[in-house]
Amino acid sequence: MKKVQSPKAAEASKILLVLASAVLVVAGMKAAADFIVPVLLAFFIATVSFPITNWLREHGFPRFLAVVVTVLVDFAFLAGVVVVGIILVSELQTKWSNKYQFITRDRITVMAESTSSLMDRWGIKEAEGASSPAEASGADEALDDSLPSGGAPIPVPADADNSPVSGDVVAGDLHSPIGPQTDGVDMLFNQLLKSLSVGTVWALGTDFLWKMISFLGTSFVVLLLTVFMLSEARMFGRRFNAICEAQGPNLQRMLSATKDIQRYLGIKTMISLMTGFLAGMLCWGMGLDLPLLWGILAFALNFIPAVGSVIAGIPPVLLSLLLTGDWKQATMVGLGYLLINGFLGNFLEPMLLGRRFGISTLVVVISVIFWGWIWGPVGMLLAVPLTMLLKVAMDNSSDFRWIAVAISKENKGFGVHDEKLIKEAVQTAAESKRKKLAQQDGHLEA
């Protein structure tokens, strides 16, 4: 007689099998990132760009020419953003070398003096061998008094070289940042600058070159895939119908989800453009350097749900604090970013998207972390569309429909689609349970 597995053991085995399969799938997706990421980028670029191709076709353009014009428009826009970003980052580096590093050193010096004064007030002794700014100043005065009158140079041995450090030192040079009286802050800051050796710069340059080559290669692959996807986009609907008629899976919901993703990405692009414009105007109005750079950064990072807009606001706040040293102005910049993202991200965007894109906020944050862990920045960028496709796939599965219900955004009043989805999930679960019980009864009778 064949041994019958208990219902609990069968359920546990099924859960373990599903978990093992999920781990294998995730590991495979992570390992195949170099192949999957360009395909995903091409798919989503084609999805967003398809309305342009449609418009050109309706105005008499041949299909091939419409596809070529669409791809050129896409990559001209992306290339323009990248080039402007590189120019602005280069300008930021120049400002750091000529301006920001000296301001940073001054801020560190002020903080060190404030910390020293606070420690003295609390009766905390400084580390042995360390000197406060006041003590360093007193030592400077003592050295000044010990010099010959008239600021005559200190005698130097005849065999001394002519280097700036070991050569003749005049009284006025004793307070130079490279002189013997350099304080602890200047020494620390100079050591940080010296750490950028020629070898480090060469390694950074080589790494940047290889990344640029990889980026150009990936861009070429994405370009080709986008061309072919746009060329065959009109045939997807007919192919899905043919698959369904051939007793294959019903992919009509997947086609509907693709249209939803197209609408989502279109609205997200518009909201991101508005976010970038308002953020740039805010930085310009607050007198920050490079407002265009911060606007582009806000535009790009706004595509990353939940956390992107927060990350975009950090550099302007820090820059405001660095330039002015005023916490009030830095707070005003931060509040300005909160108002922009609060209105556009929490009010206007949900109103335009509607409830059909409803995914739980917690699920959005988890999906950003999960897809970012698998595919890096591209995964974070496409987290919501990928989760939407996953939701549709789970909705089409009788065993995993409950997952689609779980990741949906809960509203005060469920719509018709939500009620239907929940009823179908409950009915499917009940029917599946009845079938299992019937099968177990049959095995026991045998």
Foldseek 3Di string as FASTA:
>chain_A
DDDDDDPVVVVVVVVVVVVVVVVVVLVVLLVCLVPVLLLVLLLLLLLQLLVQLVVVVVVPDPNLVSLVVSLVVVVVVVVVLVVVLVVLVVVVVVCCVVPLLVLVLVVVLVVQQVVVVVCVVVVHDDDPPADHPVVLVVVLVVVVVPADPPQDWDDADPPFDCDPARHIDTSVCCPPCPYPSNHPSSVVSVVVVPVCDPVVVVVVVVVVVVVVVVVVVSVVSSSVSNSVCSSCVVCPVVVLVVCVVVVHARCVLVVVLSNLSNQLVVLLLVLLLVLLVQQLVLLVVLPFPPSNNLSSQSSVQSLQPPCSLVVSQVVSLVRSCSVPVDNVSSVVSVVSSVVSCCCSVVPVSCVSSDQVLFFAPVQSVVQLVSLCVSNNPSSSSCSSSVVSSVLSVLLSDLVRLVVNLVGGHDDPDDDPVNVVSVVSNVVSVVVVVVVVVVVSVVVVVD
